[in-house]
Amino acid sequence: MKNINYVINGVLAVAVIILFILQFSGNKKSTPFSGTVVTSSGEQTFELPVAYVNVDSLLDNYIFAIDVNDNLARKGENIRANFVQQQRNFQAEVENFNYRYQNQAFTSQARLDQEQRRLQQRQADLEALAEKQSLELNEEYQRTNMQLRDTIMAHLKEYNKAKGYQIIYSNTSSSLVSPILWAEDVYNITTEFTDYLNKKWTSLGGN
């Protein structure tokens, strides 16, 4: 279902691009984009003021993205290694308890019960620690993704000042960014289209 949504979003993005290029190309008096007419084999082709970014490729080659992902991977590995060691220590304590129990090494029932409660609490603490560390790592992952996204979008806006593209979209199904990365406000038809839908609904007798 997610893949279908990305395909639909991509088709809608292209439709919006074509619609507004046709509608506004004659009304825009100045734009950094030249709209170059390229002559090739005697044919003239209008170069649309749009572009796309392969986000997967960008993330694979953007040094900042590589660095932050490596940092997260190292932190996750350190957390995992530390937790595995604590699990091993706990397992050793459990084996020691079982050995002492089988050899009747506890001096009293009260001492046996005390050691059982201690191990049960130790197990509960380990489970709580695992959940806590998982949540913290996930939160840091989300913060890092947001930082990476904000950095990309800020630099994309700055980059486009010289390029003058009207719409820049992503051609990959990345969870980091939306299908349309950047667009001029004039291409946002949300309010207009909402009004159109409401009028259609009202005309059909909707409440």
Protein backbone atom coordinates (compact mmCIF):
# COMPACT_ATOMS: atom_id res chain seq x y z
CA MET A 1 0.00 0.00 0.00
CA LYS A 2 2.85 2.40 0.82
CA ASN A 3 4.46 1.79 -2.57
CA ILE A 4 1.15 2.50 -4.30
CA ASN A 5 0.87 5.79 -2.40
CA TYR A 6 4.35 6.83 -3.51
CA VAL A 7 3.46 6.04 -7.12
CA ILE A 8 0.25 8.06 -6.85
CA ASN A 9 2.14 10.96 -5.27
CA GLY A 10 4.68 10.84 -8.06
CA VAL A 11 1.98 10.88 -10.75
CA LEU A 12 0.19 13.76 -9.02
CA ALA A 13 3.46 15.69 -8.76
CA VAL A 14 4.08 15.34 -12.49
CA ALA A 15 0.47 16.33 -13.25
CA VAL A 16 0.79 19.44 -11.10
CA ILE A 17 4.05 20.33 -12.81
CA ILE A 18 2.58 20.07 -16.32
CA LEU A 19 -0.66 21.87 -15.40
CA PHE A 20 1.02 24.88 -13.90
CA ILE A 21 3.79 25.10 -16.45
CA LEU A 22 1.07 25.42 -19.09
CA GLN A 23 -1.01 27.85 -17.07
CA PHE A 24 1.65 30.18 -15.68
CA SER A 25 4.50 30.04 -18.18
CA GLY A 26 3.00 32.99 -20.04
CA ASN A 27 2.34 35.00 -16.87
CA LYS A 28 5.75 34.85 -15.20
CA LYS A 29 7.75 37.89 -16.27
CA SER A 30 11.03 37.02 -14.64
CA THR A 31 12.62 33.93 -13.16
CA PRO A 32 16.23 32.78 -12.71
CA PHE A 33 15.38 29.77 -14.85
CA SER A 34 15.93 30.49 -18.53
CA GLY A 35 13.49 27.99 -20.01
CA THR A 36 16.14 27.20 -22.61
CA VAL A 37 15.01 25.99 -26.00
CA VAL A 38 17.36 23.17 -26.97
CA THR A 39 17.78 22.43 -30.67
CA SER A 40 18.48 18.76 -31.34
CA SER A 41 18.30 17.18 -34.82
CA GLY A 42 16.22 20.09 -36.04
CA GLU A 43 13.66 19.75 -33.21
CA GLN A 44 12.95 22.35 -30.55
CA THR A 45 12.36 21.14 -27.01
CA PHE A 46 11.29 23.37 -24.13
CA GLU A 47 13.30 22.66 -20.99
CA LEU A 48 10.80 22.54 -18.12
CA PRO A 49 11.78 24.47 -14.96
CA VAL A 50 11.59 21.34 -12.81
CA ALA A 51 14.12 18.93 -11.35
CA TYR A 52 14.25 15.87 -9.16
CA VAL A 53 16.59 14.48 -6.53
CA ASN A 54 17.31 10.79 -6.03
CA VAL A 55 17.20 10.92 -2.23
CA ASP A 56 18.53 7.37 -1.77
CA SER A 57 21.60 8.22 -3.84
CA LEU A 58 21.97 11.56 -2.06
CA LEU A 59 21.99 9.90 1.37
CA ASP A 60 24.51 7.32 0.16
CA ASN A 61 26.94 10.03 -0.97
CA TYR A 62 26.26 13.06 1.25
CA ILE A 63 29.20 13.15 3.67
CA PHE A 64 27.16 14.63 6.52
CA ALA A 65 24.53 11.88 6.15
CA ILE A 66 27.26 9.22 6.11
CA ASP A 67 28.86 10.69 9.25
CA VAL A 68 25.66 10.90 11.30
CA ASN A 69 24.61 7.39 10.26
CA ASP A 70 28.04 6.04 11.20
CA ASN A 71 27.81 7.79 14.58
CA LEU A 72 24.38 6.28 15.22
CA ALA A 73 25.59 2.84 14.18
CA ARG A 74 28.59 3.06 16.55
CA LYS A 75 26.41 4.22 19.43
CA GLY A 76 23.94 1.41 18.79
CA GLU A 77 26.73 -1.15 18.67
CA ASN A 78 28.23 0.15 21.94
CA ILE A 79 24.83 -0.04 23.64
CA ARG A 80 24.28 -3.56 22.33
CA ALA A 81 27.73 -4.74 23.43
CA ASN A 82 27.26 -3.28 26.91
CA PHE A 83 23.85 -4.88 27.27
CA VAL A 84 25.10 -8.27 26.07
CA GLN A 85 27.83 -8.14 28.72
CA GLN A 86 25.29 -7.35 31.43
CA GLN A 87 23.15 -10.27 30.24
CA ARG A 88 26.16 -12.58 30.46
CA ASN A 89 26.90 -11.35 33.99
CA PHE A 90 23.29 -11.99 34.97
CA GLN A 91 23.36 -15.46 33.45
CA ALA A 92 26.50 -16.23 35.44
CA GLU A 93 24.72 -15.11 38.63
CA VAL A 94 21.75 -17.36 37.81
CA GLU A 95 24.04 -20.35 37.18
CA ASN A 96 25.85 -19.66 40.46
CA PHE A 97 22.51 -19.52 42.28
CA ASN A 98 21.41 -22.84 40.76
CA TYR A 99 24.73 -24.47 41.71
CA ARG A 100 24.48 -23.27 45.31
CA TYR A 101 20.83 -24.34 45.50
CA GLN A 102 21.56 -27.84 44.19
CA ASN A 103 24.42 -28.20 46.68
CA GLN A 104 22.31 -26.84 49.56
CA ALA A 105 24.77 -24.01 50.13
CA PHE A 106 22.17 -21.56 51.49
CA THR A 107 22.24 -21.37 55.26
CA SER A 108 18.51 -20.69 55.59
CA GLN A 109 15.24 -20.43 53.66
CA ALA A 110 15.26 -16.70 54.27
CA ARG A 111 18.67 -16.38 52.60
CA LEU A 112 17.44 -18.45 49.64
CA ASP A 113 14.34 -16.29 49.25
CA GLN A 114 16.42 -13.12 49.47
CA GLU A 115 18.72 -14.28 46.67
CA GLN A 116 15.76 -15.27 44.48
CA ARG A 117 14.18 -11.83 44.94
CA ARG A 118 17.49 -10.18 44.09
CA LEU A 119 17.80 -12.12 40.85
CA GLN A 120 14.18 -11.40 39.92
CA GLN A 121 14.78 -7.70 40.46
CA ARG A 122 18.00 -7.91 38.47
CA GLN A 123 16.10 -9.45 35.57
CA ALA A 124 13.40 -6.76 35.76
CA ASP A 125 16.07 -4.06 35.79
CA LEU A 126 17.71 -5.53 32.68
CA GLU A 127 14.38 -5.62 30.84
CA ALA A 128 13.67 -2.00 31.82
CA LEU A 129 17.17 -0.98 30.72
CA ALA A 130 16.68 -2.65 27.32
CA GLU A 131 13.41 -0.79 26.77
CA LYS A 132 14.89 2.52 27.95
CA GLN A 133 17.92 2.25 25.69
CA SER A 134 15.77 1.24 22.72
CA LEU A 135 13.54 4.30 23.20
CA GLU A 136 16.54 6.62 23.61
CA LEU A 137 18.20 5.27 20.47
CA ASN A 138 14.97 5.62 18.50
CA GLU A 139 14.53 9.21 19.73
CA GLU A 140 18.08 10.05 18.70
CA TYR A 141 17.45 8.44 15.32
CA GLN A 142 14.36 10.64 14.87
CA ARG A 143 16.27 13.78 15.94
CA THR A 144 19.11 12.94 13.57
CA ASN A 145 16.69 12.37 10.70
CA MET A 146 15.02 15.71 11.41
CA GLN A 147 18.39 17.48 11.56
CA LEU A 148 19.44 15.84 8.31
CA ARG A 149 16.15 16.74 6.63
CA ASP A 150 16.31 20.38 7.80
CA THR A 151 19.89 20.67 6.57
CA ILE A 152 19.03 19.26 3.15
CA MET A 153 15.93 21.45 2.74
CA ALA A 154 17.75 24.62 3.83
CA HIS A 155 20.61 24.03 1.42
CA LEU A 156 18.20 23.04 -1.35
CA LYS A 157 16.40 26.37 -1.01
CA GLU A 158 19.73 28.22 -1.10
CA TYR A 159 20.93 26.14 -4.06
CA ASN A 160 17.75 26.90 -6.01
CA LYS A 161 18.21 30.67 -5.76
CA ALA A 162 20.71 30.43 -8.58
CA LYS A 163 18.97 27.61 -10.44
CA GLY A 164 15.42 28.97 -10.41
CA TYR A 165 13.53 25.69 -10.60
CA GLN A 166 9.80 26.03 -10.00
CA ILE A 167 9.42 22.55 -8.52
CA ILE A 168 11.98 20.08 -7.20
CA TYR A 169 10.73 16.66 -6.21
CA SER A 170 12.08 13.31 -5.06
CA ASN A 171 11.92 10.31 -7.35
CA THR A 172 12.55 7.81 -4.55
CA SER A 173 10.28 6.53 -1.79
CA SER A 174 12.26 7.88 1.16
CA SER A 175 10.74 8.27 4.62
CA LEU A 176 13.00 11.27 5.17
CA VAL A 177 11.30 13.68 2.78
CA SER A 178 8.00 14.15 0.96
CA PRO A 179 7.62 13.52 -2.80
CA ILE A 180 7.81 17.28 -3.50
CA LEU A 181 10.94 18.69 -1.89
CA TRP A 182 10.40 22.33 -2.82
CA ALA A 183 7.90 24.33 -4.88
CA GLU A 184 6.93 27.93 -5.49
CA ASP A 185 3.88 28.95 -3.46
CA VAL A 186 1.95 29.66 -6.66
CA TYR A 187 1.78 25.91 -7.28
CA ASN A 188 0.04 25.19 -3.99
CA ILE A 189 -3.59 24.70 -5.05
CA THR A 190 -4.78 23.16 -1.77
CA THR A 191 -7.27 25.91 -0.87
CA GLU A 192 -8.53 26.29 -4.42
CA PHE A 193 -9.01 22.55 -4.87
CA THR A 194 -10.68 22.23 -1.45
CA ASP A 195 -13.17 24.93 -2.41
CA TYR A 196 -13.82 23.10 -5.67
CA LEU A 197 -14.49 19.82 -3.84
CA ASN A 198 -16.82 21.53 -1.35
CA LYS A 199 -18.81 23.14 -4.16
CA LYS A 200 -19.12 19.78 -5.89
CA TRP A 201 -20.26 18.13 -2.66
CA THR A 202 -22.80 20.88 -1.99
CA SER A 203 -24.16 20.68 -5.53
CA LEU A 204 -24.77 16.96 -5.00
CA GLY A 205 -26.87 17.69 -1.94
CA GLY A 206 -24.22 17.14 0.71
CA ASN A 207 -24.66 18.75 4.12
